[in-house]
Amino acid sequence: MSTDLSSTPLSSTDLSSTPLSGTPGSGTDGGDTDRSGGPTAPAVPATPDALVAVFRRVLERDDVTVDSDFFDLGGDSLVATRVLSTVARTHGVELTFDDFLLAPTPGRLAQRITAAA
């Protein structure tokens, strides 16, 4: 005898009374926590030198300057997402890939972060 149980739920939980994160009265602040549930570190001001360090790390190159173009140095869209992730985590600003395309140097990216903060 064979029974197909692939569509049978193993258990069910009523979440209708569980507040969503960031909603009034939920006890959360709408995302100012990291994935472990602890508070995030305060945002660090974005300086061109800080962004040079990020570019050097993700591109694995020491010849990055404030005016170095990320894409001219061999960066691509996948590596750019590492820069954007670091920016969000370190500086508290979430930029889009289009923002990055418009500001592909550490100096210009620092300006964009500062303007968005």
PDB file of N, CA and C in Angstrom:
ATOM      1  N   MET A   1       0.843  -1.165   0.000  1.00  0.00           N
ATOM      2  CA  MET A   1       0.000   0.000   0.000  1.00  0.00           C
ATOM      3  C   MET A   1       0.893   1.235   0.000  1.00  0.00           C
ATOM      4  N   SER A   2       0.680   2.143  -0.927  1.00  0.00           N
ATOM      5  CA  SER A   2       1.486   3.353  -1.048  1.00  0.00           C
ATOM      6  C   SER A   2       0.575   4.576  -0.975  1.00  0.00           C
ATOM      7  N   THR A   3       0.929   5.508  -0.095  1.00  0.00           N
ATOM      8  CA  THR A   3       0.144   6.730   0.052  1.00  0.00           C
ATOM      9  C   THR A   3       1.036   7.916  -0.256  1.00  0.00           C
ATOM     10  N   ASP A   4       0.574   8.810  -1.105  1.00  0.00           N
ATOM     11  CA  ASP A   4       1.342  10.006  -1.443  1.00  0.00           C
ATOM     12  C   ASP A   4       1.084  11.074  -0.385  1.00  0.00           C
ATOM     13  N   LEU A   5       2.098  11.364   0.416  1.00  0.00           N
ATOM     14  CA  LEU A   5       1.971  12.351   1.484  1.00  0.00           C
ATOM     15  C   LEU A   5       2.669  13.665   1.155  1.00  0.00           C
ATOM     16  N   SER A   6       3.119  13.824  -0.081  1.00  0.00           N
ATOM     17  CA  SER A   6       3.902  15.003  -0.435  1.00  0.00           C
ATOM     18  C   SER A   6       3.124  16.306  -0.284  1.00  0.00           C
ATOM     19  N   SER A   7       1.809  16.263  -0.398  1.00  0.00           N
ATOM     20  CA  SER A   7       1.045  17.499  -0.264  1.00  0.00           C
ATOM     21  C   SER A   7       0.323  17.601   1.079  1.00  0.00           C
ATOM     22  N   THR A   8       0.580  16.668   1.977  1.00  0.00           N
ATOM     23  CA  THR A   8      -0.046  16.690   3.295  1.00  0.00           C
ATOM     24  C   THR A   8       0.848  17.441   4.267  1.00  0.00           C
ATOM     25  N   PRO A   9       0.329  18.507   4.893  1.00  0.00           N
ATOM     26  CA  PRO A   9       1.167  19.240   5.847  1.00  0.00           C
ATOM     27  C   PRO A   9       1.447  18.387   7.077  1.00  0.00           C
ATOM     28  N   LEU A  10       2.680  18.501   7.583  1.00  0.00           N
ATOM     29  CA  LEU A  10       3.051  17.759   8.776  1.00  0.00           C
ATOM     30  C   LEU A  10       2.493  18.420  10.020  1.00  0.00           C
ATOM     31  N   SER A  11       2.433  19.745  10.011  1.00  0.00           N
ATOM     32  CA  SER A  11       1.839  20.468  11.127  1.00  0.00           C
ATOM     33  C   SER A  11       1.376  21.821  10.617  1.00  0.00           C
ATOM     34  N   SER A  12       0.592  22.471  11.420  1.00  0.00           N
ATOM     35  CA  SER A  12       0.133  23.784  11.027  1.00  0.00           C
ATOM     36  C   SER A  12       0.180  24.694  12.241  1.00  0.00           C
ATOM     37  N   THR A  13       0.591  25.946  11.996  1.00  0.00           N
ATOM     38  CA  THR A  13       0.697  26.923  13.064  1.00  0.00           C
ATOM     39  C   THR A  13      -0.102  28.149  12.684  1.00  0.00           C
ATOM     40  N   ASP A  14      -0.943  28.595  13.584  1.00  0.00           N
ATOM     41  CA  ASP A  14      -1.733  29.796  13.345  1.00  0.00           C
ATOM     42  C   ASP A  14      -0.874  31.016  13.675  1.00  0.00           C
ATOM     43  N   LEU A  15      -0.509  31.795  12.662  1.00  0.00           N
ATOM     44  CA  LEU A  15       0.327  32.974  12.841  1.00  0.00           C
ATOM     45  C   LEU A  15      -0.474  34.267  12.788  1.00  0.00           C
ATOM     46  N   SER A  16      -1.795  34.168  12.778  1.00  0.00           N
ATOM     47  CA  SER A  16      -2.615  35.367  12.626  1.00  0.00           C
ATOM     48  C   SER A  16      -2.443  36.360  13.769  1.00  0.00           C
ATOM     49  N   SER A  17      -2.070  35.889  14.957  1.00  0.00           N
ATOM     50  CA  SER A  17      -1.902  36.819  16.073  1.00  0.00           C
ATOM     51  C   SER A  17      -0.447  37.223  16.287  1.00  0.00           C
ATOM     52  N   THR A  18       0.450  36.747  15.439  1.00  0.00           N
ATOM     53  CA  THR A  18       1.863  37.089  15.555  1.00  0.00           C
ATOM     54  C   THR A  18       2.121  38.397  14.819  1.00  0.00           C
ATOM     55  N   PRO A  19       2.626  39.428  15.526  1.00  0.00           N
ATOM     56  CA  PRO A  19       2.876  40.701  14.851  1.00  0.00           C
ATOM     57  C   PRO A  19       4.035  40.586  13.865  1.00  0.00           C
ATOM     58  N   LEU A  20       3.920  41.321  12.784  1.00  0.00           N
ATOM     59  CA  LEU A  20       4.993  41.377  11.803  1.00  0.00           C
ATOM     60  C   LEU A  20       6.085  42.304  12.293  1.00  0.00           C
ATOM     61  N   SER A  21       7.312  42.026  11.927  1.00  0.00           N
ATOM     62  CA  SER A  21       8.435  42.869  12.312  1.00  0.00           C
ATOM     63  C   SER A  21       8.227  44.279  11.793  1.00  0.00           C
ATOM     64  N   GLY A  22       8.404  45.251  12.684  1.00  0.00           N
ATOM     65  CA  GLY A  22       8.316  46.647  12.277  1.00  0.00           C
ATOM     66  C   GLY A  22       6.917  47.224  12.310  1.00  0.00           C
ATOM     67  N   THR A  23       5.934  46.420  12.684  1.00  0.00           N
ATOM     68  CA  THR A  23       4.586  46.967  12.759  1.00  0.00           C
ATOM     69  C   THR A  23       4.367  47.571  14.129  1.00  0.00           C
ATOM     70  N   PRO A  24       3.501  48.567  14.219  1.00  0.00           N
ATOM     71  CA  PRO A  24       3.261  49.196  15.523  1.00  0.00           C
ATOM     72  C   PRO A  24       2.844  48.152  16.551  1.00  0.00           C
ATOM     73  N   GLY A  25       3.483  48.234  17.713  1.00  0.00           N
ATOM     74  CA  GLY A  25       3.157  47.326  18.794  1.00  0.00           C
ATOM     75  C   GLY A  25       3.835  45.983  18.716  1.00  0.00           C
ATOM     76  N   SER A  26       4.706  45.778  17.709  1.00  0.00           N
ATOM     77  CA  SER A  26       5.349  44.478  17.567  1.00  0.00           C
ATOM     78  C   SER A  26       6.576  44.345  18.444  1.00  0.00           C
ATOM     79  N   GLY A  27       7.050  45.464  19.006  1.00  0.00           N
ATOM     80  CA  GLY A  27       8.235  45.391  19.844  1.00  0.00           C
ATOM     81  C   GLY A  27       9.518  45.385  19.053  1.00  0.00           C
ATOM     82  N   THR A  28       9.420  45.581  17.756  1.00  0.00           N
ATOM     83  CA  THR A  28      10.629  45.647  16.934  1.00  0.00           C
ATOM     84  C   THR A  28      10.706  47.010  16.292  1.00  0.00           C
ATOM     85  N   ASP A  29      11.858  47.319  15.773  1.00  0.00           N
ATOM     86  CA  ASP A  29      12.064  48.645  15.214  1.00  0.00           C
ATOM     87  C   ASP A  29      12.063  48.663  13.697  1.00  0.00           C
ATOM     88  N   GLY A  30      11.578  47.629  13.075  1.00  0.00           N
ATOM     89  CA  GLY A  30      11.460  47.642  11.624  1.00  0.00           C
ATOM     90  C   GLY A  30      12.742  47.307  10.899  1.00  0.00           C
ATOM     91  N   GLY A  31      13.650  46.568  11.527  1.00  0.00           N
ATOM     92  CA  GLY A  31      14.803  46.092  10.797  1.00  0.00           C
ATOM     93  C   GLY A  31      16.140  46.526  11.331  1.00  0.00           C
ATOM     94  N   ASP A  32      16.216  47.184  12.460  1.00  0.00           N
ATOM     95  CA  ASP A  32      17.508  47.611  12.982  1.00  0.00           C
ATOM     96  C   ASP A  32      18.162  46.504  13.799  1.00  0.00           C
ATOM     97  N   THR A  33      18.069  45.289  13.263  1.00  0.00           N
ATOM     98  CA  THR A  33      18.724  44.150  13.905  1.00  0.00           C
ATOM     99  C   THR A  33      19.411  43.332  12.838  1.00  0.00           C
ATOM    100  N   ASP A  34      20.444  42.618  13.235  1.00  0.00           N
ATOM    101  CA  ASP A  34      21.105  41.739  12.280  1.00  0.00           C
ATOM    102  C   ASP A  34      20.401  40.391  12.290  1.00  0.00           C
ATOM    103  N   ARG A  35      20.888  39.442  11.483  1.00  0.00           N
ATOM    104  CA  ARG A  35      20.224  38.157  11.354  1.00  0.00           C
ATOM    105  C   ARG A  35      20.255  37.346  12.648  1.00  0.00           C
ATOM    106  N   SER A  36      21.168  37.640  13.562  1.00  0.00           N
ATOM    107  CA  SER A  36      21.231  36.902  14.814  1.00  0.00           C
ATOM    108  C   SER A  36      20.250  37.454  15.835  1.00  0.00           C
ATOM    109  N   GLY A  37      19.601  38.571  15.514  1.00  0.00           N
ATOM    110  CA  GLY A  37      18.606  39.133  16.403  1.00  0.00           C
ATOM    111  C   GLY A  37      19.152  40.214  17.313  1.00  0.00           C
ATOM    112  N   GLY A  38      20.451  40.433  17.317  1.00  0.00           N
ATOM    113  CA  GLY A  38      21.041  41.465  18.157  1.00  0.00           C
ATOM    114  C   GLY A  38      21.027  42.800  17.448  1.00  0.00           C
ATOM    115  N   PRO A  39      21.250  43.891  18.178  1.00  0.00           N
ATOM    116  CA  PRO A  39      21.255  45.210  17.541  1.00  0.00           C
ATOM    117  C   PRO A  39      22.442  45.352  16.596  1.00  0.00           C
ATOM    118  N   THR A  40      22.242  46.114  15.523  1.00  0.00           N
ATOM    119  CA  THR A  40      23.320  46.351  14.580  1.00  0.00           C
ATOM    120  C   THR A  40      24.246  47.427  15.132  1.00  0.00           C
ATOM    121  N   ALA A  41      25.457  47.429  14.622  1.00  0.00           N
ATOM    122  CA  ALA A  41      26.417  48.458  15.020  1.00  0.00           C
ATOM    123  C   ALA A  41      25.985  49.779  14.407  1.00  0.00           C
ATOM    124  N   PRO A  42      26.303  50.886  15.065  1.00  0.00           N
ATOM    125  CA  PRO A  42      25.948  52.175  14.477  1.00  0.00           C
ATOM    126  C   PRO A  42      26.644  52.350  13.138  1.00  0.00           C
ATOM    127  N   ALA A  43      25.987  53.048  12.235  1.00  0.00           N
ATOM    128  CA  ALA A  43      26.552  53.272  10.908  1.00  0.00           C
ATOM    129  C   ALA A  43      27.836  54.079  11.010  1.00  0.00           C
ATOM    130  N   VAL A  44      28.819  53.667  10.233  1.00  0.00           N
ATOM    131  CA  VAL A  44      30.114  54.328  10.174  1.00  0.00           C
ATOM    132  C   VAL A  44      30.063  55.344   9.040  1.00  0.00           C
ATOM    133  N   PRO A  45      30.554  56.566   9.247  1.00  0.00           N
ATOM    134  CA  PRO A  45      30.566  57.535   8.150  1.00  0.00           C
ATOM    135  C   PRO A  45      31.360  56.992   6.951  1.00  0.00           C
ATOM    136  N   ALA A  46      30.851  57.235   5.766  1.00  0.00           N
ATOM    137  CA  ALA A  46      31.512  56.763   4.550  1.00  0.00           C
ATOM    138  C   ALA A  46      32.574  57.760   4.129  1.00  0.00           C
ATOM    139  N   THR A  47      33.818  57.332   4.157  1.00  0.00           N
ATOM    140  CA  THR A  47      34.914  58.168   3.661  1.00  0.00           C
ATOM    141  C   THR A  47      35.480  57.524   2.407  1.00  0.00           C
ATOM    142  N   PRO A  48      36.067  58.305   1.533  1.00  0.00           N
ATOM    143  CA  PRO A  48      36.685  57.714   0.352  1.00  0.00           C
ATOM    144  C   PRO A  48      37.727  56.648   0.719  1.00  0.00           C
ATOM    145  N   ASP A  49      38.505  56.890   1.772  1.00  0.00           N
ATOM    146  CA  ASP A  49      39.522  55.910   2.172  1.00  0.00           C
ATOM    147  C   ASP A  49      38.897  54.601   2.630  1.00  0.00           C
ATOM    148  N   ALA A  50      37.754  54.679   3.304  1.00  0.00           N
ATOM    149  CA  ALA A  50      37.066  53.461   3.733  1.00  0.00           C
ATOM    150  C   ALA A  50      36.599  52.660   2.521  1.00  0.00           C
ATOM    151  N   LEU A  51      36.112  53.364   1.493  1.00  0.00           N
ATOM    152  CA  LEU A  51      35.665  52.686   0.283  1.00  0.00           C
ATOM    153  C   LEU A  51      36.833  52.147  -0.528  1.00  0.00           C
ATOM    154  N   VAL A  52      37.971  52.834  -0.509  1.00  0.00           N
ATOM    155  CA  VAL A  52      39.177  52.303  -1.153  1.00  0.00           C
ATOM    156  C   VAL A  52      39.514  50.950  -0.535  1.00  0.00           C
ATOM    157  N   ALA A  53      39.441  50.850   0.781  1.00  0.00           N
ATOM    158  CA  ALA A  53      39.742  49.594   1.473  1.00  0.00           C
ATOM    159  C   ALA A  53      38.778  48.486   1.061  1.00  0.00           C
ATOM    160  N   VAL A  54      37.504  48.827   0.902  1.00  0.00           N
ATOM    161  CA  VAL A  54      36.512  47.835   0.467  1.00  0.00           C
ATOM    162  C   VAL A  54      36.828  47.369  -0.948  1.00  0.00           C
ATOM    163  N   PHE A  55      37.087  48.307  -1.850  1.00  0.00           N
ATOM    164  CA  PHE A  55      37.419  47.958  -3.228  1.00  0.00           C
ATOM    165  C   PHE A  55      38.667  47.066  -3.260  1.00  0.00           C
ATOM    166  N   ARG A  56      39.688  47.413  -2.491  1.00  0.00           N
ATOM    167  CA  ARG A  56      40.923  46.612  -2.466  1.00  0.00           C
ATOM    168  C   ARG A  56      40.641  45.189  -2.003  1.00  0.00           C
ATOM    169  N   ARG A  57      39.794  45.075  -0.984  1.00  0.00           N
ATOM    170  CA  ARG A  57      39.501  43.744  -0.447  1.00  0.00           C
ATOM    171  C   ARG A  57      38.722  42.895  -1.448  1.00  0.00           C
ATOM    172  N   VAL A  58      37.649  43.432  -2.026  1.00  0.00           N
ATOM    173  CA  VAL A  58      36.816  42.619  -2.914  1.00  0.00           C
ATOM    174  C   VAL A  58      37.472  42.373  -4.269  1.00  0.00           C
ATOM    175  N   LEU A  59      38.295  43.319  -4.720  1.00  0.00           N
ATOM    176  CA  LEU A  59      38.980  43.144  -6.005  1.00  0.00           C
ATOM    177  C   LEU A  59      40.328  42.441  -5.859  1.00  0.00           C
ATOM    178  N   GLU A  60      40.779  42.304  -4.596  1.00  0.00           N
ATOM    179  CA  GLU A  60      42.076  41.684  -4.305  1.00  0.00           C
ATOM    180  C   GLU A  60      43.194  42.380  -5.084  1.00  0.00           C
ATOM    181  N   ARG A  61      43.199  43.724  -4.975  1.00  0.00           N
ATOM    182  CA  ARG A  61      44.205  44.558  -5.642  1.00  0.00           C
ATOM    183  C   ARG A  61      44.653  45.647  -4.681  1.00  0.00           C
ATOM    184  N   ASP A  62      45.934  45.973  -4.735  1.00  0.00           N
ATOM    185  CA  ASP A  62      46.479  47.027  -3.885  1.00  0.00           C
ATOM    186  C   ASP A  62      46.557  48.381  -4.587  1.00  0.00           C
ATOM    187  N   ASP A  63      46.315  48.411  -5.896  1.00  0.00           N
ATOM    188  CA  ASP A  63      46.498  49.642  -6.664  1.00  0.00           C
ATOM    189  C   ASP A  63      45.232  50.496  -6.776  1.00  0.00           C
ATOM    190  N   VAL A  64      44.270  50.291  -5.899  1.00  0.00           N
ATOM    191  CA  VAL A  64      43.030  51.072  -5.921  1.00  0.00           C
ATOM    192  C   VAL A  64      43.273  52.429  -5.269  1.00  0.00           C
ATOM    193  N   THR A  65      42.812  53.490  -5.940  1.00  0.00           N
ATOM    194  CA  THR A  65      42.875  54.846  -5.395  1.00  0.00           C
ATOM    195  C   THR A  65      41.448  55.398  -5.294  1.00  0.00           C
ATOM    196  N   VAL A  66      41.318  56.587  -4.762  1.00  0.00           N
ATOM    197  CA  VAL A  66      40.010  57.218  -4.608  1.00  0.00           C
ATOM    198  C   VAL A  66      39.298  57.376  -5.952  1.00  0.00           C
ATOM    199  N   ASP A  67      40.069  57.563  -7.030  1.00  0.00           N
ATOM    200  CA  ASP A  67      39.482  57.790  -8.350  1.00  0.00           C
ATOM    201  C   ASP A  67      39.481  56.550  -9.252  1.00  0.00           C
ATOM    202  N   SER A  68      39.822  55.387  -8.712  1.00  0.00           N
ATOM    203  CA  SER A  68      39.845  54.158  -9.511  1.00  0.00           C
ATOM    204  C   SER A  68      38.438  53.705  -9.849  1.00  0.00           C
ATOM    205  N   ASP A  69      38.215  53.404 -11.124  1.00  0.00           N
ATOM    206  CA  ASP A  69      36.918  52.901 -11.567  1.00  0.00           C
ATOM    207  C   ASP A  69      36.851  51.398 -11.312  1.00  0.00           C
ATOM    208  N   PHE A  70      35.851  50.995 -10.564  1.00  0.00           N
ATOM    209  CA  PHE A  70      35.670  49.601 -10.174  1.00  0.00           C
ATOM    210  C   PHE A  70      35.693  48.671 -11.382  1.00  0.00           C
ATOM    211  N   PHE A  71      35.002  49.025 -12.441  1.00  0.00           N
ATOM    212  CA  PHE A  71      34.880  48.155 -13.602  1.00  0.00           C
ATOM    213  C   PHE A  71      36.158  48.136 -14.430  1.00  0.00           C
ATOM    214  N   ASP A  72      36.880  49.263 -14.474  1.00  0.00           N
ATOM    215  CA  ASP A  72      38.171  49.289 -15.170  1.00  0.00           C
ATOM    216  C   ASP A  72      39.201  48.413 -14.462  1.00  0.00           C
ATOM    217  N   LEU A  73      39.006  48.200 -13.163  1.00  0.00           N
ATOM    218  CA  LEU A  73      39.923  47.358 -12.391  1.00  0.00           C
ATOM    219  C   LEU A  73      39.557  45.879 -12.459  1.00  0.00           C
ATOM    220  N   GLY A  74      38.545  45.550 -13.247  1.00  0.00           N
ATOM    221  CA  GLY A  74      38.166  44.149 -13.416  1.00  0.00           C
ATOM    222  C   GLY A  74      36.951  43.724 -12.619  1.00  0.00           C
ATOM    223  N   GLY A  75      36.313  44.661 -11.922  1.00  0.00           N
ATOM    224  CA  GLY A  75      35.116  44.323 -11.169  1.00  0.00           C
ATOM    225  C   GLY A  75      33.953  44.012 -12.094  1.00  0.00           C
ATOM    226  N   ASP A  76      33.055  43.177 -11.608  1.00  0.00           N
ATOM    227  CA  ASP A  76      31.856  42.860 -12.371  1.00  0.00           C
ATOM    228  C   ASP A  76      30.640  42.972 -11.457  1.00  0.00           C
ATOM    229  N   SER A  77      29.473  42.689 -11.997  1.00  0.00           N
ATOM    230  CA  SER A  77      28.245  42.876 -11.229  1.00  0.00           C
ATOM    231  C   SER A  77      28.182  41.985  -9.995  1.00  0.00           C
ATOM    232  N   LEU A  78      28.734  40.794 -10.088  1.00  0.00           N
ATOM    233  CA  LEU A  78      28.718  39.904  -8.929  1.00  0.00           C
ATOM    234  C   LEU A  78      29.580  40.440  -7.798  1.00  0.00           C
ATOM    235  N   VAL A  79      30.752  40.914  -8.131  1.00  0.00           N
ATOM    236  CA  VAL A  79      31.650  41.465  -7.113  1.00  0.00           C
ATOM    237  C   VAL A  79      31.076  42.789  -6.594  1.00  0.00           C
ATOM    238  N   ALA A  80      30.389  43.518  -7.456  1.00  0.00           N
ATOM    239  CA  ALA A  80      29.761  44.777  -7.027  1.00  0.00           C
ATOM    240  C   ALA A  80      28.730  44.530  -5.929  1.00  0.00           C
ATOM    241  N   THR A  81      28.054  43.388  -5.981  1.00  0.00           N
ATOM    242  CA  THR A  81      27.085  43.097  -4.922  1.00  0.00           C
ATOM    243  C   THR A  81      27.787  42.921  -3.576  1.00  0.00           C
ATOM    244  N   ARG A  82      29.027  42.475  -3.584  1.00  0.00           N
ATOM    245  CA  ARG A  82      29.793  42.386  -2.329  1.00  0.00           C
ATOM    246  C   ARG A  82      30.087  43.776  -1.781  1.00  0.00           C
ATOM    247  N   VAL A  83      30.391  44.712  -2.672  1.00  0.00           N
ATOM    248  CA  VAL A  83      30.623  46.093  -2.243  1.00  0.00           C
ATOM    249  C   VAL A  83      29.332  46.666  -1.658  1.00  0.00           C
ATOM    250  N   LEU A  84      28.220  46.485  -2.365  1.00  0.00           N
ATOM    251  CA  LEU A  84      26.940  47.018  -1.902  1.00  0.00           C
ATOM    252  C   LEU A  84      26.520  46.405  -0.568  1.00  0.00           C
ATOM    253  N   SER A  85      26.799  45.130  -0.389  1.00  0.00           N
ATOM    254  CA  SER A  85      26.488  44.473   0.880  1.00  0.00           C
ATOM    255  C   SER A  85      27.328  45.044   2.013  1.00  0.00           C
ATOM    256  N   THR A  86      28.600  45.274   1.753  1.00  0.00           N
ATOM    257  CA  THR A  86      29.484  45.865   2.757  1.00  0.00           C
ATOM    258  C   THR A  86      29.037  47.277   3.093  1.00  0.00           C
ATOM    259  N   VAL A  87      28.641  48.038   2.079  1.00  0.00           N
ATOM    260  CA  VAL A  87      28.153  49.407   2.299  1.00  0.00           C
ATOM    261  C   VAL A  87      26.928  49.383   3.205  1.00  0.00           C
ATOM    262  N   ALA A  88      25.987  48.493   2.920  1.00  0.00           N
ATOM    263  CA  ALA A  88      24.763  48.415   3.729  1.00  0.00           C
ATOM    264  C   ALA A  88      25.088  48.025   5.170  1.00  0.00           C
ATOM    265  N   ARG A  89      25.948  47.043   5.330  1.00  0.00           N
ATOM    266  CA  ARG A  89      26.293  46.548   6.664  1.00  0.00           C
ATOM    267  C   ARG A  89      27.117  47.563   7.450  1.00  0.00           C
ATOM    268  N   THR A  90      28.066  48.204   6.807  1.00  0.00           N
ATOM    269  CA  THR A  90      28.990  49.099   7.493  1.00  0.00           C
ATOM    270  C   THR A  90      28.460  50.519   7.643  1.00  0.00           C
ATOM    271  N   HIS A  91      27.804  51.007   6.600  1.00  0.00           N
ATOM    272  CA  HIS A  91      27.395  52.411   6.581  1.00  0.00           C
ATOM    273  C   HIS A  91      25.893  52.612   6.767  1.00  0.00           C
ATOM    274  N   GLY A  92      25.141  51.521   6.832  1.00  0.00           N
ATOM    275  CA  GLY A  92      23.713  51.628   7.086  1.00  0.00           C
ATOM    276  C   GLY A  92      22.917  52.207   5.936  1.00  0.00           C
ATOM    277  N   VAL A  93      23.446  52.124   4.714  1.00  0.00           N
ATOM    278  CA  VAL A  93      22.768  52.665   3.532  1.00  0.00           C
ATOM    279  C   VAL A  93      22.676  51.567   2.483  1.00  0.00           C
ATOM    280  N   GLU A  94      21.465  51.320   2.008  1.00  0.00           N
ATOM    281  CA  GLU A  94      21.290  50.323   0.956  1.00  0.00           C
ATOM    282  C   GLU A  94      21.190  51.025  -0.391  1.00  0.00           C
ATOM    283  N   LEU A  95      22.210  50.821  -1.202  1.00  0.00           N
ATOM    284  CA  LEU A  95      22.234  51.402  -2.544  1.00  0.00           C
ATOM    285  C   LEU A  95      21.844  50.345  -3.556  1.00  0.00           C
ATOM    286  N   THR A  96      21.359  50.789  -4.707  1.00  0.00           N
ATOM    287  CA  THR A  96      21.018  49.873  -5.790  1.00  0.00           C
ATOM    288  C   THR A  96      22.232  49.685  -6.692  1.00  0.00           C
ATOM    289  N   PHE A  97      22.141  48.698  -7.550  1.00  0.00           N
ATOM    290  CA  PHE A  97      23.215  48.497  -8.518  1.00  0.00           C
ATOM    291  C   PHE A  97      23.315  49.705  -9.451  1.00  0.00           C
ATOM    292  N   ASP A  98      22.182  50.316  -9.772  1.00  0.00           N
ATOM    293  CA  ASP A  98      22.200  51.532 -10.605  1.00  0.00           C
ATOM    294  C   ASP A  98      22.970  52.653  -9.909  1.00  0.00           C
ATOM    295  N   ASP A  99      22.801  52.778  -8.580  1.00  0.00           N
ATOM    296  CA  ASP A  99      23.581  53.766  -7.825  1.00  0.00           C
ATOM    297  C   ASP A  99      25.073  53.490  -8.003  1.00  0.00           C
ATOM    298  N   PHE A 100      25.424  52.225  -7.938  1.00  0.00           N
ATOM    299  CA  PHE A 100      26.829  51.847  -8.073  1.00  0.00           C
ATOM    300  C   PHE A 100      27.353  52.159  -9.479  1.00  0.00           C
ATOM    301  N   LEU A 101      26.529  51.908 -10.493  1.00  0.00           N
ATOM    302  CA  LEU A 101      26.940  52.218 -11.871  1.00  0.00           C
ATOM    303  C   LEU A 101      27.192  53.711 -12.053  1.00  0.00           C
ATOM    304  N   LEU A 102      26.410  54.540 -11.366  1.00  0.00           N
ATOM    305  CA  LEU A 102      26.570  55.990 -11.465  1.00  0.00           C
ATOM    306  C   LEU A 102      27.738  56.515 -10.636  1.00  0.00           C
ATOM    307  N   ALA A 103      28.224  55.703  -9.699  1.00  0.00           N
ATOM    308  CA  ALA A 103      29.318  56.131  -8.821  1.00  0.00           C
ATOM    309  C   ALA A 103      30.294  54.969  -8.629  1.00  0.00           C
ATOM    310  N   PRO A 104      31.034  54.591  -9.690  1.00  0.00           N
ATOM    311  CA  PRO A 104      31.870  53.393  -9.616  1.00  0.00           C
ATOM    312  C   PRO A 104      33.266  53.594  -9.018  1.00  0.00           C
ATOM    313  N   THR A 105      33.534  54.766  -8.453  1.00  0.00           N
ATOM    314  CA  THR A 105      34.831  55.003  -7.814  1.00  0.00           C
ATOM    315  C   THR A 105      34.619  55.147  -6.306  1.00  0.00           C
ATOM    316  N   PRO A 106      35.625  54.858  -5.509  1.00  0.00           N
ATOM    317  CA  PRO A 106      35.472  55.026  -4.060  1.00  0.00           C
ATOM    318  C   PRO A 106      35.059  56.442  -3.664  1.00  0.00           C
ATOM    319  N   GLY A 107      35.619  57.439  -4.308  1.00  0.00           N
ATOM    320  CA  GLY A 107      35.296  58.819  -3.979  1.00  0.00           C
ATOM    321  C   GLY A 107      33.849  59.169  -4.272  1.00  0.00           C
ATOM    322  N   ARG A 108      33.397  58.807  -5.459  1.00  0.00           N
ATOM    323  CA  ARG A 108      32.014  59.117  -5.838  1.00  0.00           C
ATOM    324  C   ARG A 108      31.016  58.267  -5.060  1.00  0.00           C
ATOM    325  N   LEU A 109      31.388  57.027  -4.770  1.00  0.00           N
ATOM    326  CA  LEU A 109      30.502  56.172  -3.982  1.00  0.00           C
ATOM    327  C   LEU A 109      30.354  56.707  -2.558  1.00  0.00           C
ATOM    328  N   ALA A 110      31.426  57.201  -1.990  1.00  0.00           N
ATOM    329  CA  ALA A 110      31.365  57.798  -0.650  1.00  0.00           C
ATOM    330  C   ALA A 110      30.419  58.997  -0.636  1.00  0.00           C
ATOM    331  N   GLN A 111      30.472  59.810  -1.697  1.00  0.00           N
ATOM    332  CA  GLN A 111      29.563  60.953  -1.797  1.00  0.00           C
ATOM    333  C   GLN A 111      28.106  60.488  -1.872  1.00  0.00           C
ATOM    334  N   ARG A 112      27.862  59.439  -2.654  1.00  0.00           N
ATOM    335  CA  ARG A 112      26.505  58.928  -2.826  1.00  0.00           C
ATOM    336  C   ARG A 112      25.969  58.372  -1.508  1.00  0.00           C
ATOM    337  N   ILE A 113      26.830  57.665  -0.769  1.00  0.00           N
ATOM    338  CA  ILE A 113      26.429  57.106   0.534  1.00  0.00           C
ATOM    339  C   ILE A 113      26.075  58.217   1.496  1.00  0.00           C
ATOM    340  N   THR A 114      26.924  59.237   1.534  1.00  0.00           N
ATOM    341  CA  THR A 114      26.701  60.370   2.429  1.00  0.00           C
ATOM    342  C   THR A 114      25.391  61.074   2.085  1.00  0.00           C
ATOM    343  N   ALA A 115      25.120  61.230   0.802  1.00  0.00           N
ATOM    344  CA  ALA A 115      23.889  61.894   0.373  1.00  0.00           C
ATOM    345  C   ALA A 115      22.650  61.061   0.703  1.00  0.00           C
ATOM    346  N   ALA A 116      22.790  59.739   0.683  1.00  0.00           N
ATOM    347  CA  ALA A 116      21.650  58.858   0.954  1.00  0.00           C
ATOM    348  C   ALA A 116      21.407  58.634   2.430  1.00  0.00           C
ATOM    349  N   ALA A 117      22.416  58.925   3.246  1.00  0.00           N
ATOM    350  CA  ALA A 117      22.292  58.654   4.699  1.00  0.00           C
ATOM    351  C   ALA A 117      21.379  59.626   5.383  1.00  0.00           C
TER     352      ALA A 117
END
